[in-house]
Every structure is written in C-alpha cells, then in structure tokens.
Amino acid sequence: MSIKAIRFQLRTGPSIERTLRRYAGSCRWAWNAAIAEQRRRREAGESFAGYGVMCKWLTAWRHAPGTAWLALTPIHPLQQTLRRLEQAYQRFFAGHRGYPAFKRRSQEPSLHFPDPKQFALDQDNARVKLPKLGWLRLRQSQPVPGVLRNASVTSERGKWFVSLQVELPDVMPSADARPTLGVDLGVALFAAMSDGRTVLPLDALRKQQCRLRHAQRAVSRKVKCG
C-alpha cells in the first residue's frame, strides 16, 4: 500500500472562518500551556510528562471554569497537538532539534483528525464533514481515490485548506504479462527484434551510388555543343 495526500481549498464564509480560527487558537493555547507545565516540572526537578499525562492536563483544562471554552473545540485536534508536542520533545531529547518553543498567534497548529470515523467526504457534492462544523464545501479539482486515512485543516494567507490522506493499493504487473518488443538497430542488420526476427538493411546509399555512376558515364559520352 502507498499513502498519498490530496489538498483542497475550503469554501468558507466569515462565520466558519471565525470558528476555524478559534479552534486553531485553542490548539495553540494547549501547546503553549503544556510547554509551560513541562518547564515548571523540569525546574521543580520532576520528570518529563508524556502524551498520556498531558491528555489528563487537557481534560482538567476543559473542565476548569477559566478555560472551559476549550470544550468548544473538537477534542481530537487538541489531543493531536499534544501528541506532536511529545514528538518534538523526543526529537529534542535525541539531540535532533532544539527545545520546543511557544507558538505565536500566527503559528497556530493544524487541526488534525487522525481517524476516518471523525470526518466524511461527499465527492458527488464536493464537500467534507468535520466535527462541530458540519458539511463544508470544497474546491475539489480532482477525484479522491483510495481509502481515507486522516484529514488536516490548515490556514495559508487567509485561506483555509483541507488535506486528505488516502491509502492506495500498489499496482503490481500481471504475472502473465509479456514484455514489450525490443528493437536493436545495427549496421550488418538494420534491426534485430527481441522475438528473433531480423530486418535486412535497405542499402539505400549503395543503390544511389550505382545510379550516380551510371549517370556520370552517360554524361561523359555526350558531346558538348557550341
């Protein structure tokens, strides 16, 4: 199997765009809050908290009076933000990247839906269904083949896009397929084919040379007048 991502622009209005910005802002807030808590733990001499522990923080934040607005955002993009943060920490611990940094307002993470049960695609009507957003129209420029795996929503220069990752079967050559005919061009033989057939040369130059000699002899026998 092979994996392919296909990207389409979402046809959004002002109300949907405000909601998407709020969702993206919630993911950025969760990223920053988790980094702040990880730093507090490190300064207190406590061990790093993995994804499972950070998800417990997220649950507490969603139920706390001051941050209950996080519950308005679908849970899966928030969880995926924390999973990506854990991966960023693991790269830091392995010496491949620097320490994870806080995100600014212009650096909102994408909204990632990792399970195809969390969204739906209606190709006949060029639309996609996302949690708490309902059906959104797409500028669908090509059909979406294969089996849906996940979806991500991102913002770019004021426009919103959805990337659909699909799984495609590998195309294998047929077991009884015959190879295509090969042709080898040469001098002694004009062509030798892979099935054993040969084509003799046309000897076009030799034939033209013979005609030229006959023409030259005929001209030499003529008498110039005047």
C-alpha atoms as a PDB file:
ATOM      1  CA  MET A   1       0.000   0.000   0.000  1.00  0.00           C
ATOM      2  CA  SER A   2       1.062   3.601  -0.634  1.00  0.00           C
ATOM      3  CA  ILE A   3      -0.039   6.817   1.050  1.00  0.00           C
ATOM      4  CA  LYS A   4      -0.993   9.989  -0.816  1.00  0.00           C
ATOM      5  CA  ALA A   5      -2.173  13.390   0.413  1.00  0.00           C
ATOM      6  CA  ILE A   6      -4.624  15.427  -1.652  1.00  0.00           C
ATOM      7  CA  ARG A   7      -5.219  19.089  -0.773  1.00  0.00           C
ATOM      8  CA  PHE A   8      -8.301  21.197  -1.493  1.00  0.00           C
ATOM      9  CA  GLN A   9      -9.307  24.723  -0.589  1.00  0.00           C
ATOM     10  CA  LEU A  10     -12.335  25.020   1.654  1.00  0.00           C
ATOM     11  CA  ARG A  11     -15.140  27.311   0.535  1.00  0.00           C
ATOM     12  CA  THR A  12     -15.745  29.047   3.853  1.00  0.00           C
ATOM     13  CA  GLY A  13     -17.753  32.061   4.905  1.00  0.00           C
ATOM     14  CA  PRO A  14     -16.940  34.547   7.684  1.00  0.00           C
ATOM     15  CA  SER A  15     -18.754  32.531  10.367  1.00  0.00           C
ATOM     16  CA  ILE A  16     -16.896  29.280   9.572  1.00  0.00           C
ATOM     17  CA  GLU A  17     -13.574  31.129   9.320  1.00  0.00           C
ATOM     18  CA  ARG A  18     -14.063  32.617  12.783  1.00  0.00           C
ATOM     19  CA  THR A  19     -14.810  29.159  14.155  1.00  0.00           C
ATOM     20  CA  LEU A  20     -11.738  27.656  12.484  1.00  0.00           C
ATOM     21  CA  ARG A  21      -9.548  30.435  13.864  1.00  0.00           C
ATOM     22  CA  ARG A  22     -10.969  29.781  17.330  1.00  0.00           C
ATOM     23  CA  TYR A  23     -10.226  26.058  17.008  1.00  0.00           C
ATOM     24  CA  ALA A  24      -6.683  26.745  15.817  1.00  0.00           C
ATOM     25  CA  GLY A  25      -6.185  29.235  18.643  1.00  0.00           C
ATOM     26  CA  SER A  26      -7.310  26.610  21.161  1.00  0.00           C
ATOM     27  CA  CYS A  27      -4.723  24.176  19.811  1.00  0.00           C
ATOM     28  CA  ARG A  28      -2.032  26.852  20.070  1.00  0.00           C
ATOM     29  CA  TRP A  29      -3.111  27.573  23.659  1.00  0.00           C
ATOM     30  CA  ALA A  30      -2.903  23.856  24.553  1.00  0.00           C
ATOM     31  CA  TRP A  31       0.587  23.644  23.014  1.00  0.00           C
ATOM     32  CA  ASN A  32       1.827  26.659  24.969  1.00  0.00           C
ATOM     33  CA  ALA A  33       0.164  25.613  28.226  1.00  0.00           C
ATOM     34  CA  ALA A  34       1.712  22.142  28.000  1.00  0.00           C
ATOM     35  CA  ILE A  35       5.186  23.617  27.381  1.00  0.00           C
ATOM     36  CA  ALA A  36       4.748  25.919  30.366  1.00  0.00           C
ATOM     37  CA  GLU A  37       3.802  22.963  32.576  1.00  0.00           C
ATOM     38  CA  GLN A  38       6.731  20.894  31.277  1.00  0.00           C
ATOM     39  CA  ARG A  39       9.116  23.737  32.112  1.00  0.00           C
ATOM     40  CA  ARG A  40       7.627  24.065  35.578  1.00  0.00           C
ATOM     41  CA  ARG A  41       8.141  20.339  36.125  1.00  0.00           C
ATOM     42  CA  ARG A  42      11.734  20.495  34.922  1.00  0.00           C
ATOM     43  CA  GLU A  43      12.548  23.432  37.211  1.00  0.00           C
ATOM     44  CA  ALA A  44      10.944  21.545  40.106  1.00  0.00           C
ATOM     45  CA  GLY A  45      13.109  18.515  39.377  1.00  0.00           C
ATOM     46  CA  GLU A  46      10.181  16.423  38.166  1.00  0.00           C
ATOM     47  CA  SER A  47      10.377  14.026  35.213  1.00  0.00           C
ATOM     48  CA  PHE A  48       9.086  14.716  31.735  1.00  0.00           C
ATOM     49  CA  ALA A  49       5.346  14.076  31.307  1.00  0.00           C
ATOM     50  CA  GLY A  50       4.424  12.010  28.248  1.00  0.00           C
ATOM     51  CA  TYR A  51       1.411  12.204  25.994  1.00  0.00           C
ATOM     52  CA  GLY A  52      -0.892  10.299  28.360  1.00  0.00           C
ATOM     53  CA  VAL A  53      -0.202  12.691  31.240  1.00  0.00           C
ATOM     54  CA  MET A  54      -0.601  15.745  29.005  1.00  0.00           C
ATOM     55  CA  CYS A  55      -4.015  14.449  27.916  1.00  0.00           C
ATOM     56  CA  LYS A  56      -5.026  14.418  31.596  1.00  0.00           C
ATOM     57  CA  TRP A  57      -3.977  18.066  31.786  1.00  0.00           C
ATOM     58  CA  LEU A  58      -6.147  18.746  28.753  1.00  0.00           C
ATOM     59  CA  THR A  59      -9.154  17.124  30.423  1.00  0.00           C
ATOM     60  CA  ALA A  60      -8.626  19.271  33.504  1.00  0.00           C
ATOM     61  CA  TRP A  61      -8.305  22.440  31.434  1.00  0.00           C
ATOM     62  CA  ARG A  62     -11.514  21.664  29.523  1.00  0.00           C
ATOM     63  CA  HIS A  63     -13.412  21.362  32.826  1.00  0.00           C
ATOM     64  CA  ALA A  64     -11.800  24.275  34.655  1.00  0.00           C
ATOM     65  CA  PRO A  65     -14.021  27.386  34.861  1.00  0.00           C
ATOM     66  CA  GLY A  66     -11.349  29.682  33.433  1.00  0.00           C
ATOM     67  CA  THR A  67     -10.584  27.506  30.385  1.00  0.00           C
ATOM     68  CA  ALA A  68     -13.905  25.724  29.810  1.00  0.00           C
ATOM     69  CA  TRP A  69     -14.005  27.354  26.348  1.00  0.00           C
ATOM     70  CA  LEU A  70     -11.558  24.629  25.247  1.00  0.00           C
ATOM     71  CA  ALA A  71     -14.527  22.228  25.271  1.00  0.00           C
ATOM     72  CA  LEU A  72     -15.969  24.132  22.287  1.00  0.00           C
ATOM     73  CA  THR A  73     -13.097  22.789  20.156  1.00  0.00           C
ATOM     74  CA  PRO A  74     -13.207  19.176  18.899  1.00  0.00           C
ATOM     75  CA  ILE A  75     -11.139  17.004  21.226  1.00  0.00           C
ATOM     76  CA  HIS A  76      -9.116  15.180  18.569  1.00  0.00           C
ATOM     77  CA  PRO A  77      -7.212  18.208  17.169  1.00  0.00           C
ATOM     78  CA  LEU A  78      -6.321  19.196  20.746  1.00  0.00           C
ATOM     79  CA  GLN A  79      -5.054  15.702  21.501  1.00  0.00           C
ATOM     80  CA  GLN A  80      -3.076  15.578  18.261  1.00  0.00           C
ATOM     81  CA  THR A  81      -1.457  18.902  19.169  1.00  0.00           C
ATOM     82  CA  LEU A  82      -0.178  17.326  22.381  1.00  0.00           C
ATOM     83  CA  ARG A  83       0.988  14.236  20.501  1.00  0.00           C
ATOM     84  CA  ARG A  84       3.027  16.403  18.130  1.00  0.00           C
ATOM     85  CA  LEU A  85       4.431  18.250  21.131  1.00  0.00           C
ATOM     86  CA  GLU A  86       5.573  14.960  22.661  1.00  0.00           C
ATOM     87  CA  GLN A  87       7.268  14.080  19.360  1.00  0.00           C
ATOM     88  CA  ALA A  88       9.013  17.479  19.407  1.00  0.00           C
ATOM     89  CA  TYR A  89      10.317  16.726  22.906  1.00  0.00           C
ATOM     90  CA  GLN A  90      11.526  13.290  21.824  1.00  0.00           C
ATOM     91  CA  ARG A  91      13.483  14.856  18.949  1.00  0.00           C
ATOM     92  CA  PHE A  92      14.987  17.305  21.456  1.00  0.00           C
ATOM     93  CA  PHE A  93      15.971  14.503  23.833  1.00  0.00           C
ATOM     94  CA  ALA A  94      17.576  12.631  20.902  1.00  0.00           C
ATOM     95  CA  GLY A  95      19.643  15.711  20.016  1.00  0.00           C
ATOM     96  CA  HIS A  96      17.962  16.272  16.640  1.00  0.00           C
ATOM     97  CA  ARG A  97      16.120  19.513  17.410  1.00  0.00           C
ATOM     98  CA  GLY A  98      16.102  22.365  19.886  1.00  0.00           C
ATOM     99  CA  TYR A  99      13.834  22.696  22.878  1.00  0.00           C
ATOM    100  CA  PRO A 100      10.166  23.078  21.823  1.00  0.00           C
ATOM    101  CA  ALA A 101       9.181  26.752  21.669  1.00  0.00           C
ATOM    102  CA  PHE A 102       5.979  28.606  22.376  1.00  0.00           C
ATOM    103  CA  LYS A 103       3.822  29.346  19.332  1.00  0.00           C
ATOM    104  CA  ARG A 104       2.743  32.863  18.412  1.00  0.00           C
ATOM    105  CA  ARG A 105      -0.682  33.813  17.109  1.00  0.00           C
ATOM    106  CA  SER A 106       0.485  33.404  13.503  1.00  0.00           C
ATOM    107  CA  GLN A 107       1.799  29.883  14.219  1.00  0.00           C
ATOM    108  CA  GLU A 108      -1.403  28.013  15.007  1.00  0.00           C
ATOM    109  CA  PRO A 109      -1.036  24.238  14.604  1.00  0.00           C
ATOM    110  CA  SER A 110      -3.132  22.454  12.014  1.00  0.00           C
ATOM    111  CA  LEU A 111      -6.398  20.816  13.010  1.00  0.00           C
ATOM    112  CA  HIS A 112      -5.672  17.118  12.618  1.00  0.00           C
ATOM    113  CA  PHE A 113      -8.351  14.424  12.566  1.00  0.00           C
ATOM    114  CA  PRO A 114      -6.462  11.089  12.720  1.00  0.00           C
ATOM    115  CA  ASP A 115      -9.421   8.702  12.387  1.00  0.00           C
ATOM    116  CA  PRO A 116     -11.610   8.459   9.242  1.00  0.00           C
ATOM    117  CA  LYS A 117     -14.586   7.934  11.563  1.00  0.00           C
ATOM    118  CA  GLN A 118     -14.168  11.569  12.638  1.00  0.00           C
ATOM    119  CA  PHE A 119     -14.900  13.051   9.216  1.00  0.00           C
ATOM    120  CA  ALA A 120     -16.680  12.224   5.957  1.00  0.00           C
ATOM    121  CA  LEU A 121     -16.219  13.045   2.272  1.00  0.00           C
ATOM    122  CA  ASP A 122     -19.064  13.537  -0.198  1.00  0.00           C
ATOM    123  CA  GLN A 123     -17.391  13.622  -3.608  1.00  0.00           C
ATOM    124  CA  ASP A 124     -20.656  13.853  -5.552  1.00  0.00           C
ATOM    125  CA  ASN A 125     -21.382  17.213  -3.928  1.00  0.00           C
ATOM    126  CA  ALA A 126     -17.738  18.295  -3.346  1.00  0.00           C
ATOM    127  CA  ARG A 127     -17.969  18.657   0.413  1.00  0.00           C
ATOM    128  CA  VAL A 128     -16.356  17.364   3.595  1.00  0.00           C
ATOM    129  CA  LYS A 129     -17.915  16.910   7.033  1.00  0.00           C
ATOM    130  CA  LEU A 130     -15.855  17.857  10.101  1.00  0.00           C
ATOM    131  CA  PRO A 131     -16.710  17.575  13.810  1.00  0.00           C
ATOM    132  CA  LYS A 132     -18.721  20.529  15.193  1.00  0.00           C
ATOM    133  CA  LEU A 133     -18.549  22.217  11.763  1.00  0.00           C
ATOM    134  CA  GLY A 134     -20.836  20.051   9.674  1.00  0.00           C
ATOM    135  CA  TRP A 135     -20.596  19.907   5.877  1.00  0.00           C
ATOM    136  CA  LEU A 136     -18.134  22.322   4.260  1.00  0.00           C
ATOM    137  CA  ARG A 137     -17.888  22.919   0.522  1.00  0.00           C
ATOM    138  CA  LEU A 138     -14.635  22.127  -1.309  1.00  0.00           C
ATOM    139  CA  ARG A 139     -12.980  23.441  -4.418  1.00  0.00           C
ATOM    140  CA  GLN A 140     -12.483  19.837  -5.497  1.00  0.00           C
ATOM    141  CA  SER A 141     -10.182  19.869  -8.523  1.00  0.00           C
ATOM    142  CA  GLN A 142      -9.716  16.091  -8.786  1.00  0.00           C
ATOM    143  CA  PRO A 143     -11.333  12.880  -7.564  1.00  0.00           C
ATOM    144  CA  VAL A 144     -10.140  11.343  -4.309  1.00  0.00           C
ATOM    145  CA  PRO A 145      -9.149   7.694  -4.854  1.00  0.00           C
ATOM    146  CA  GLY A 146      -8.351   5.010  -2.314  1.00  0.00           C
ATOM    147  CA  VAL A 147      -9.353   4.696   1.323  1.00  0.00           C
ATOM    148  CA  LEU A 148      -9.481   7.761   3.581  1.00  0.00           C
ATOM    149  CA  ARG A 149      -6.942   7.697   6.420  1.00  0.00           C
ATOM    150  CA  ASN A 150      -6.956  11.131   8.070  1.00  0.00           C
ATOM    151  CA  ALA A 151      -7.631  14.817   7.462  1.00  0.00           C
ATOM    152  CA  SER A 152      -5.870  18.058   8.386  1.00  0.00           C
ATOM    153  CA  VAL A 153      -7.145  21.633   8.156  1.00  0.00           C
ATOM    154  CA  THR A 154      -4.638  24.473   7.802  1.00  0.00           C
ATOM    155  CA  SER A 155      -4.666  28.207   7.111  1.00  0.00           C
ATOM    156  CA  GLU A 156      -2.495  29.856   4.484  1.00  0.00           C
ATOM    157  CA  ARG A 157      -2.600  33.551   3.507  1.00  0.00           C
ATOM    158  CA  GLY A 158      -6.120  33.954   4.794  1.00  0.00           C
ATOM    159  CA  LYS A 159      -7.467  30.842   3.069  1.00  0.00           C
ATOM    160  CA  TRP A 160      -8.359  27.502   4.604  1.00  0.00           C
ATOM    161  CA  PHE A 161      -7.376  24.134   3.157  1.00  0.00           C
ATOM    162  CA  VAL A 162      -8.094  20.507   3.957  1.00  0.00           C
ATOM    163  CA  SER A 163      -5.543  17.762   3.232  1.00  0.00           C
ATOM    164  CA  LEU A 164      -6.991  14.279   2.882  1.00  0.00           C
ATOM    165  CA  GLN A 165      -4.568  11.398   3.272  1.00  0.00           C
ATOM    166  CA  VAL A 166      -5.612   8.257   1.414  1.00  0.00           C
ATOM    167  CA  GLU A 167      -4.269   4.734   1.144  1.00  0.00           C
ATOM    168  CA  LEU A 168      -3.795   3.401  -2.378  1.00  0.00           C
ATOM    169  CA  PRO A 169      -3.115  -0.202  -3.427  1.00  0.00           C
ATOM    170  CA  ASP A 170       0.267  -0.826  -5.020  1.00  0.00           C
ATOM    171  CA  VAL A 171      -0.001  -1.526  -8.753  1.00  0.00           C
ATOM    172  CA  MET A 172       1.700  -4.856  -9.483  1.00  0.00           C
ATOM    173  CA  PRO A 173       2.469  -6.094 -13.025  1.00  0.00           C
ATOM    174  CA  SER A 174       0.380  -9.015 -14.194  1.00  0.00           C
ATOM    175  CA  ALA A 175       2.094 -12.403 -13.787  1.00  0.00           C
ATOM    176  CA  ASP A 176       1.317 -13.431 -17.370  1.00  0.00           C
ATOM    177  CA  ALA A 177       2.152 -10.073 -18.926  1.00  0.00           C
ATOM    178  CA  ARG A 178       4.531 -10.365 -21.860  1.00  0.00           C
ATOM    179  CA  PRO A 179       7.439  -7.959 -22.166  1.00  0.00           C
ATOM    180  CA  THR A 180       7.199  -5.292 -24.801  1.00  0.00           C
ATOM    181  CA  LEU A 181       9.010  -5.842 -28.099  1.00  0.00           C
ATOM    182  CA  GLY A 182      12.641  -4.684 -28.079  1.00  0.00           C
ATOM    183  CA  VAL A 183      14.422  -3.452 -31.214  1.00  0.00           C
ATOM    184  CA  ASP A 184      18.219  -3.254 -31.602  1.00  0.00           C
ATOM    185  CA  LEU A 185      19.442  -1.125 -34.509  1.00  0.00           C
ATOM    186  CA  GLY A 186      22.736  -2.051 -36.194  1.00  0.00           C
ATOM    187  CA  VAL A 187      24.826  -1.953 -39.358  1.00  0.00           C
ATOM    188  CA  ALA A 188      25.025  -5.559 -40.606  1.00  0.00           C
ATOM    189  CA  LEU A 189      21.356  -5.912 -39.772  1.00  0.00           C
ATOM    190  CA  PHE A 190      19.056  -2.922 -39.936  1.00  0.00           C
ATOM    191  CA  ALA A 191      17.134  -4.185 -36.913  1.00  0.00           C
ATOM    192  CA  ALA A 192      17.103  -7.244 -34.635  1.00  0.00           C
ATOM    193  CA  MET A 193      13.931  -7.742 -32.617  1.00  0.00           C
ATOM    194  CA  SER A 194      13.623  -9.386 -29.232  1.00  0.00           C
ATOM    195  CA  ASP A 195      11.339 -12.088 -30.665  1.00  0.00           C
ATOM    196  CA  GLY A 196      14.096 -13.296 -33.025  1.00  0.00           C
ATOM    197  CA  ARG A 197      13.024 -11.573 -36.219  1.00  0.00           C
ATOM    198  CA  THR A 198      15.563  -9.528 -38.214  1.00  0.00           C
ATOM    199  CA  VAL A 199      15.286  -6.825 -40.834  1.00  0.00           C
ATOM    200  CA  LEU A 200      17.959  -6.556 -43.523  1.00  0.00           C
ATOM    201  CA  PRO A 201      19.369  -3.140 -44.362  1.00  0.00           C
ATOM    202  CA  LEU A 202      17.833  -1.293 -47.291  1.00  0.00           C
ATOM    203  CA  ASP A 203      21.308  -0.378 -48.693  1.00  0.00           C
ATOM    204  CA  ALA A 204      19.875   2.905 -49.867  1.00  0.00           C
ATOM    205  CA  LEU A 205      23.305   4.586 -50.142  1.00  0.00           C
ATOM    206  CA  ARG A 206      24.805   1.747 -52.233  1.00  0.00           C
ATOM    207  CA  LYS A 207      21.880   1.832 -54.650  1.00  0.00           C
ATOM    208  CA  GLN A 208      22.124   5.594 -55.019  1.00  0.00           C
ATOM    209  CA  GLN A 209      25.877   5.308 -55.670  1.00  0.00           C
ATOM    210  CA  CYS A 210      25.238   2.831 -58.521  1.00  0.00           C
ATOM    211  CA  ARG A 211      22.726   5.177 -60.079  1.00  0.00           C
ATOM    212  CA  LEU A 212      25.215   8.045 -59.781  1.00  0.00           C
ATOM    213  CA  ARG A 213      27.928   6.061 -61.600  1.00  0.00           C
ATOM    214  CA  HIS A 214      25.530   5.229 -64.457  1.00  0.00           C
ATOM    215  CA  ALA A 215      24.545   8.876 -64.739  1.00  0.00           C
ATOM    216  CA  GLN A 216      28.206  10.017 -64.766  1.00  0.00           C
ATOM    217  CA  ARG A 217      29.114   7.540 -67.574  1.00  0.00           C
ATOM    218  CA  ALA A 218      26.150   8.709 -69.606  1.00  0.00           C
ATOM    219  CA  VAL A 219      27.205  12.333 -69.219  1.00  0.00           C
ATOM    220  CA  SER A 220      30.829  11.561 -70.200  1.00  0.00           C
ATOM    221  CA  ARG A 221      29.677  10.103 -73.552  1.00  0.00           C
ATOM    222  CA  LYS A 222      27.730  13.182 -74.517  1.00  0.00           C
ATOM    223  CA  VAL A 223      29.261  15.802 -76.919  1.00  0.00           C
ATOM    224  CA  LYS A 224      29.187  19.419 -75.789  1.00  0.00           C
ATOM    225  CA  CYS A 225      27.667  21.662 -78.453  1.00  0.00           C
ATOM    226  CA  GLY A 226      28.929  25.149 -79.335  1.00  0.00           C
END
